[in-house]
């Protein structure tokens, strides 16, 4: 075998000499450009042609607002950061169509938001306290503030919720989806969440728009607070579709609670993988029936695990 034939060929190599950039035929390019330039054929085209907010601007602003609320305490620094956050919000607000049903303007909404900054920091501080009290793996408040995805998701939610209550369009939803993308925690900006809210782990959590959550509630990964579906779901728009979770409730991993009339009474504990579409009274313990599990031994003997014993419910 010759030395040239024994040498491995590099990936992507070709027997022909390297060529310049690929050139698409003019008629193919013209058809593609003409089709993409249409503003009337699709909903997407009509939306973009009407002018659309750059979501990256929203992300940059909410990140700056988060840093302000989490890390900024030096008065000199705050004197520059608070005006910058205010101006950033104002620049976003003048790009959206505020509803005619409200007399609020970009100026008044920005001023109102600045007045709520202290309250927002107090809220997220209570969430940090709840995380430390609820997670034995937490080594300190600094770890929670810096590393816990739930705190990032909650901080974005509490900012977005302020704007949602003022009927600001688009901005709150972009913020919530940004947090969802970063943390795996999906909280609609319309959801009402009380004090000292703790999400452990968090991946896969879904909290719908009209959900109401009381104080000192604890959720684990994979929990859904959702809506039941009907054939014409648009008929439910603007109505209470998601459950109410009263104070001091714990909901374990993988549970699904659906429906606008569903109320989980105060102090209840919902076990893992429970499916609920009905209300339960205060102090309830709801547990899915344990499956029968078979374990085969080395001699092909088979034991049935009894996992039906009562769990430990002191939470």
Foldseek 3Di string as FASTA:
>chain_A
DDPVVPDDDDPPDDPDDDDDDDDDDPVVVVVVVVVLCDQPDDPVSVVVVVPDDDLVLLVVLLVLLLCCLQPDDDPVVCVPSLVVSLVSQLVVLVRADADPVDPDGSVNLSVVLSVCSVVLSVQLVQLLVLQVVVDPVDPDSVCCSPPPLVSVLVSLLVSLLSVVVSVRPDSSQSSQVVSCVVQLAHERSQEAEEGNEEEASRHQEHHDNQEYEYYSEYEYYNEYFEFDDDPPRVVCPPHQGTEYEYAQEYEYHNEYETGRPEYEEHNEYEYHNHYYDHHDYHPHYHDDADDWDWDADPVRDIDTDDPRDDDDDPD
